[in-house]
Amino acid sequence: MGDIMLSENEFNRIMDKFAGSIFRLAMVKTRNKQDAEDVFQDVFMKLYKSGKTFESDDHIKAWLIKVTVNTSLDLLKTFWHNHIVELDAEIPFQDESDHFLWEEIKKLSEKYRIPVHLYYYEGYSTDEIAEILHEKPATTRSKLHRGRIILSERMGDSYEWI
């Protein structure tokens, strides 16, 4: 497959394909709907302005996830963000058990929450997550394992995926 050029049609295709994943990751990272919306907009503006060419959809998704993580971190470091009161925003779920699971995942510290989200909701391997988070694969596997243990302790045996 050749490089993917970013025409307006291609940009719209990418938005359609990855919008949900990027917004969910921004929600996991920021824990706030308004901040997630800001990050989402910034990420896709950066994509639009980047002039980058991509080898494949996997390359696009990896780039979007890295930019989302970095943009979220930048937002969380700002003076404004550190001096506001967070409102609890909800993501709609079809199944009440999914909502309960999401609430428990949100309670995880960031070092466990991000790998759990990328692994279970976005389908990344531990090696891919390690690359995204700039850490060793063994560290990522350890964080994912610890996140599973914490979720299992909080939720009991009701979730087989853990």
C-alpha atoms as a PDB file:
ATOM      1  CA  MET A   1       0.000   0.000   0.000  1.00  0.00           C
ATOM      2  CA  GLY A   2       1.381   3.441  -0.927  1.00  0.00           C
ATOM      3  CA  ASP A   3       1.445   6.513   1.243  1.00  0.00           C
ATOM      4  CA  ILE A   4      -1.934   8.033   2.107  1.00  0.00           C
ATOM      5  CA  MET A   5      -2.183  11.704   1.159  1.00  0.00           C
ATOM      6  CA  LEU A   6      -4.388  13.889   3.317  1.00  0.00           C
ATOM      7  CA  SER A   7      -7.011  15.359   0.979  1.00  0.00           C
ATOM      8  CA  GLU A   8     -10.261  16.728   2.358  1.00  0.00           C
ATOM      9  CA  ASN A   9     -11.994  13.436   1.528  1.00  0.00           C
ATOM     10  CA  GLU A  10      -9.220  11.470   3.218  1.00  0.00           C
ATOM     11  CA  PHE A  11      -9.373  13.715   6.276  1.00  0.00           C
ATOM     12  CA  ASN A  12     -13.133  13.115   6.519  1.00  0.00           C
ATOM     13  CA  ARG A  13     -12.625   9.366   6.142  1.00  0.00           C
ATOM     14  CA  ILE A  14     -10.050   9.394   8.939  1.00  0.00           C
ATOM     15  CA  MET A  15     -12.382  11.440  11.146  1.00  0.00           C
ATOM     16  CA  ASP A  16     -15.231   8.990  10.522  1.00  0.00           C
ATOM     17  CA  LYS A  17     -13.053   5.980  11.219  1.00  0.00           C
ATOM     18  CA  PHE A  18     -11.108   7.170  14.291  1.00  0.00           C
ATOM     19  CA  ALA A  19     -13.244   9.854  15.945  1.00  0.00           C
ATOM     20  CA  GLY A  20     -14.773   7.498  18.511  1.00  0.00           C
ATOM     21  CA  SER A  21     -11.456   5.978  19.538  1.00  0.00           C
ATOM     22  CA  ILE A  22      -9.742   9.339  19.869  1.00  0.00           C
ATOM     23  CA  PHE A  23     -12.578  10.868  21.870  1.00  0.00           C
ATOM     24  CA  ARG A  24     -12.705   7.881  24.232  1.00  0.00           C
ATOM     25  CA  LEU A  25      -8.953   8.037  24.766  1.00  0.00           C
ATOM     26  CA  ALA A  26      -9.180  11.788  25.458  1.00  0.00           C
ATOM     27  CA  MET A  27     -11.964  11.054  27.988  1.00  0.00           C
ATOM     28  CA  VAL A  28      -9.843   8.400  29.672  1.00  0.00           C
ATOM     29  CA  LYS A  29      -6.874  10.730  29.799  1.00  0.00           C
ATOM     30  CA  THR A  30      -8.656  13.921  30.930  1.00  0.00           C
ATOM     31  CA  ARG A  31     -11.655  12.435  32.787  1.00  0.00           C
ATOM     32  CA  ASN A  32     -13.715  15.391  31.646  1.00  0.00           C
ATOM     33  CA  LYS A  33     -16.019  15.711  28.625  1.00  0.00           C
ATOM     34  CA  GLN A  34     -15.210  19.350  27.883  1.00  0.00           C
ATOM     35  CA  ASP A  35     -11.463  18.755  28.086  1.00  0.00           C
ATOM     36  CA  ALA A  36     -11.823  15.639  25.939  1.00  0.00           C
ATOM     37  CA  GLU A  37     -13.688  17.679  23.328  1.00  0.00           C
ATOM     38  CA  ASP A  38     -10.886  20.277  23.352  1.00  0.00           C
ATOM     39  CA  VAL A  39      -8.229  17.595  22.983  1.00  0.00           C
ATOM     40  CA  PHE A  40     -10.234  15.915  20.217  1.00  0.00           C
ATOM     41  CA  GLN A  41     -10.460  19.180  18.270  1.00  0.00           C
ATOM     42  CA  ASP A  42      -6.769  19.940  18.776  1.00  0.00           C
ATOM     43  CA  VAL A  43      -5.718  16.473  17.625  1.00  0.00           C
ATOM     44  CA  PHE A  44      -7.701  16.630  14.403  1.00  0.00           C
ATOM     45  CA  MET A  45      -6.591  20.221  13.736  1.00  0.00           C
ATOM     46  CA  LYS A  46      -2.994  19.049  14.125  1.00  0.00           C
ATOM     47  CA  LEU A  47      -3.705  16.226  11.698  1.00  0.00           C
ATOM     48  CA  TYR A  48      -5.303  18.585   9.173  1.00  0.00           C
ATOM     49  CA  LYS A  49      -2.434  21.073   9.386  1.00  0.00           C
ATOM     50  CA  SER A  50       0.331  18.467   9.565  1.00  0.00           C
ATOM     51  CA  GLY A  51       0.756  17.818   5.859  1.00  0.00           C
ATOM     52  CA  LYS A  52       1.877  14.317   6.830  1.00  0.00           C
ATOM     53  CA  THR A  53       1.563  11.296   4.625  1.00  0.00           C
ATOM     54  CA  PHE A  54       0.817   7.944   6.185  1.00  0.00           C
ATOM     55  CA  GLU A  55       1.687   4.413   5.171  1.00  0.00           C
ATOM     56  CA  SER A  56      -1.558   2.844   6.360  1.00  0.00           C
ATOM     57  CA  ASP A  57      -4.564   3.244   8.633  1.00  0.00           C
ATOM     58  CA  ASP A  58      -2.532   1.615  11.422  1.00  0.00           C
ATOM     59  CA  HIS A  59       0.099   4.328  10.988  1.00  0.00           C
ATOM     60  CA  ILE A  60      -2.628   7.009  11.133  1.00  0.00           C
ATOM     61  CA  LYS A  61      -4.168   5.504  14.263  1.00  0.00           C
ATOM     62  CA  ALA A  62      -0.807   5.244  16.024  1.00  0.00           C
ATOM     63  CA  TRP A  63      -0.044   8.887  15.157  1.00  0.00           C
ATOM     64  CA  LEU A  64      -3.472  10.021  16.372  1.00  0.00           C
ATOM     65  CA  ILE A  65      -3.080   8.152  19.660  1.00  0.00           C
ATOM     66  CA  LYS A  66       0.386   9.596  20.318  1.00  0.00           C
ATOM     67  CA  VAL A  67      -0.852  13.106  19.569  1.00  0.00           C
ATOM     68  CA  THR A  68      -3.933  12.545  21.772  1.00  0.00           C
ATOM     69  CA  VAL A  69      -1.826  11.387  24.713  1.00  0.00           C
ATOM     70  CA  ASN A  70       0.605  14.298  24.313  1.00  0.00           C
ATOM     71  CA  THR A  71      -2.139  16.898  23.805  1.00  0.00           C
ATOM     72  CA  SER A  72      -3.970  15.597  26.873  1.00  0.00           C
ATOM     73  CA  LEU A  73      -0.789  15.826  28.928  1.00  0.00           C
ATOM     74  CA  ASP A  74      -0.215  19.381  27.732  1.00  0.00           C
ATOM     75  CA  LEU A  75      -3.768  20.336  28.691  1.00  0.00           C
ATOM     76  CA  LEU A  76      -3.483  18.743  32.119  1.00  0.00           C
ATOM     77  CA  LYS A  77      -0.323  20.774  32.814  1.00  0.00           C
ATOM     78  CA  THR A  78      -1.915  24.160  32.114  1.00  0.00           C
ATOM     79  CA  PHE A  79      -2.587  26.687  34.848  1.00  0.00           C
ATOM     80  CA  TRP A  80      -6.239  26.919  33.833  1.00  0.00           C
ATOM     81  CA  HIS A  81      -6.808  23.196  34.090  1.00  0.00           C
ATOM     82  CA  ASN A  82      -5.188  23.002  37.511  1.00  0.00           C
ATOM     83  CA  HIS A  83      -7.440  25.741  38.898  1.00  0.00           C
ATOM     84  CA  ILE A  84     -10.927  24.623  37.872  1.00  0.00           C
ATOM     85  CA  VAL A  85     -13.457  22.325  39.474  1.00  0.00           C
ATOM     86  CA  GLU A  86     -14.167  19.242  37.363  1.00  0.00           C
ATOM     87  CA  LEU A  87     -17.732  18.333  36.475  1.00  0.00           C
ATOM     88  CA  ASP A  88     -18.430  14.626  36.145  1.00  0.00           C
ATOM     89  CA  ALA A  89     -19.362  13.958  32.529  1.00  0.00           C
ATOM     90  CA  GLU A  90     -20.932  10.705  31.474  1.00  0.00           C
ATOM     91  CA  ILE A  91     -20.445   8.611  28.359  1.00  0.00           C
ATOM     92  CA  PRO A  92     -23.638   6.857  27.272  1.00  0.00           C
ATOM     93  CA  PHE A  93     -23.508   3.048  27.419  1.00  0.00           C
ATOM     94  CA  GLN A  94     -25.944   0.519  26.033  1.00  0.00           C
ATOM     95  CA  ASP A  95     -25.339  -1.895  28.881  1.00  0.00           C
ATOM     96  CA  GLU A  96     -25.371  -0.927  32.570  1.00  0.00           C
ATOM     97  CA  SER A  97     -22.482  -3.310  33.284  1.00  0.00           C
ATOM     98  CA  ASP A  98     -20.371  -1.414  30.714  1.00  0.00           C
ATOM     99  CA  HIS A  99     -21.170   1.809  32.550  1.00  0.00           C
ATOM    100  CA  PHE A 100     -20.134   0.247  35.867  1.00  0.00           C
ATOM    101  CA  LEU A 101     -16.903  -1.009  34.311  1.00  0.00           C
ATOM    102  CA  TRP A 102     -16.185   2.445  32.838  1.00  0.00           C
ATOM    103  CA  GLU A 103     -16.717   4.056  36.252  1.00  0.00           C
ATOM    104  CA  GLU A 104     -14.220   1.646  37.793  1.00  0.00           C
ATOM    105  CA  ILE A 105     -11.683   2.215  35.017  1.00  0.00           C
ATOM    106  CA  LYS A 106     -11.985   5.993  35.525  1.00  0.00           C
ATOM    107  CA  LYS A 107     -11.026   5.498  39.173  1.00  0.00           C
ATOM    108  CA  LEU A 108      -7.732   3.835  38.247  1.00  0.00           C
ATOM    109  CA  SER A 109      -4.649   6.010  38.450  1.00  0.00           C
ATOM    110  CA  GLU A 110      -3.493   7.226  35.058  1.00  0.00           C
ATOM    111  CA  LYS A 111      -0.552   4.828  34.922  1.00  0.00           C
ATOM    112  CA  TYR A 112      -3.015   1.896  34.900  1.00  0.00           C
ATOM    113  CA  ARG A 113      -6.029   3.570  33.246  1.00  0.00           C
ATOM    114  CA  ILE A 114      -4.290   4.421  29.951  1.00  0.00           C
ATOM    115  CA  PRO A 115      -2.806   0.945  29.269  1.00  0.00           C
ATOM    116  CA  VAL A 116      -6.127  -0.738  30.209  1.00  0.00           C
ATOM    117  CA  HIS A 117      -8.018   1.544  27.839  1.00  0.00           C
ATOM    118  CA  LEU A 118      -5.590   1.136  24.947  1.00  0.00           C
ATOM    119  CA  TYR A 119      -5.481  -2.641  25.369  1.00  0.00           C
ATOM    120  CA  TYR A 120      -9.164  -3.436  25.893  1.00  0.00           C
ATOM    121  CA  TYR A 121     -10.976  -0.614  24.128  1.00  0.00           C
ATOM    122  CA  GLU A 122      -8.579   0.195  21.285  1.00  0.00           C
ATOM    123  CA  GLY A 123      -7.114  -3.269  20.697  1.00  0.00           C
ATOM    124  CA  TYR A 124      -3.426  -2.391  20.947  1.00  0.00           C
ATOM    125  CA  SER A 125      -0.830  -4.974  21.916  1.00  0.00           C
ATOM    126  CA  THR A 126       1.370  -4.367  24.937  1.00  0.00           C
ATOM    127  CA  ASP A 127       4.342  -3.726  22.638  1.00  0.00           C
ATOM    128  CA  GLU A 128       2.361  -1.074  20.735  1.00  0.00           C
ATOM    129  CA  ILE A 129       1.192   0.543  23.984  1.00  0.00           C
ATOM    130  CA  ALA A 130       4.777   0.614  25.250  1.00  0.00           C
ATOM    131  CA  GLU A 131       5.847   2.438  22.103  1.00  0.00           C
ATOM    132  CA  ILE A 132       2.985   4.947  22.411  1.00  0.00           C
ATOM    133  CA  LEU A 133       3.775   5.621  26.070  1.00  0.00           C
ATOM    134  CA  HIS A 134       7.565   5.632  25.541  1.00  0.00           C
ATOM    135  CA  GLU A 135       8.249   2.838  28.009  1.00  0.00           C
ATOM    136  CA  LYS A 136       9.540  -0.724  28.002  1.00  0.00           C
ATOM    137  CA  PRO A 137       7.058  -3.485  27.019  1.00  0.00           C
ATOM    138  CA  ALA A 138       7.668  -5.225  30.362  1.00  0.00           C
ATOM    139  CA  THR A 139       6.631  -2.020  32.159  1.00  0.00           C
ATOM    140  CA  THR A 140       3.448  -1.833  30.109  1.00  0.00           C
ATOM    141  CA  ARG A 141       2.622  -5.485  30.791  1.00  0.00           C
ATOM    142  CA  SER A 142       3.209  -4.897  34.497  1.00  0.00           C
ATOM    143  CA  LYS A 143       0.902  -1.846  34.542  1.00  0.00           C
ATOM    144  CA  LEU A 144      -1.778  -3.719  32.604  1.00  0.00           C
ATOM    145  CA  HIS A 145      -1.529  -6.669  34.989  1.00  0.00           C
ATOM    146  CA  ARG A 146      -1.717  -4.421  38.044  1.00  0.00           C
ATOM    147  CA  GLY A 147      -4.678  -2.539  36.544  1.00  0.00           C
ATOM    148  CA  ARG A 148      -6.492  -5.853  36.029  1.00  0.00           C
ATOM    149  CA  ILE A 149      -5.819  -6.874  39.630  1.00  0.00           C
ATOM    150  CA  ILE A 150      -7.164  -3.579  40.961  1.00  0.00           C
ATOM    151  CA  LEU A 151     -10.288  -3.875  38.796  1.00  0.00           C
ATOM    152  CA  SER A 152     -10.788  -7.510  39.848  1.00  0.00           C
ATOM    153  CA  GLU A 153     -10.536  -6.562  43.505  1.00  0.00           C
ATOM    154  CA  ARG A 154     -13.041  -3.733  43.082  1.00  0.00           C
ATOM    155  CA  MET A 155     -15.492  -5.602  40.867  1.00  0.00           C
ATOM    156  CA  GLY A 156     -15.272  -9.170  42.053  1.00  0.00           C
ATOM    157  CA  ASP A 157     -15.443 -12.024  39.579  1.00  0.00           C
ATOM    158  CA  SER A 158     -18.209 -10.486  37.464  1.00  0.00           C
ATOM    159  CA  TYR A 159     -15.912  -9.621  34.548  1.00  0.00           C
ATOM    160  CA  GLU A 160     -14.211 -12.434  32.678  1.00  0.00           C
ATOM    161  CA  TRP A 161     -12.015 -10.154  30.526  1.00  0.00           C
ATOM    162  CA  ILE A 162      -9.941  -9.087  33.502  1.00  0.00           C
END
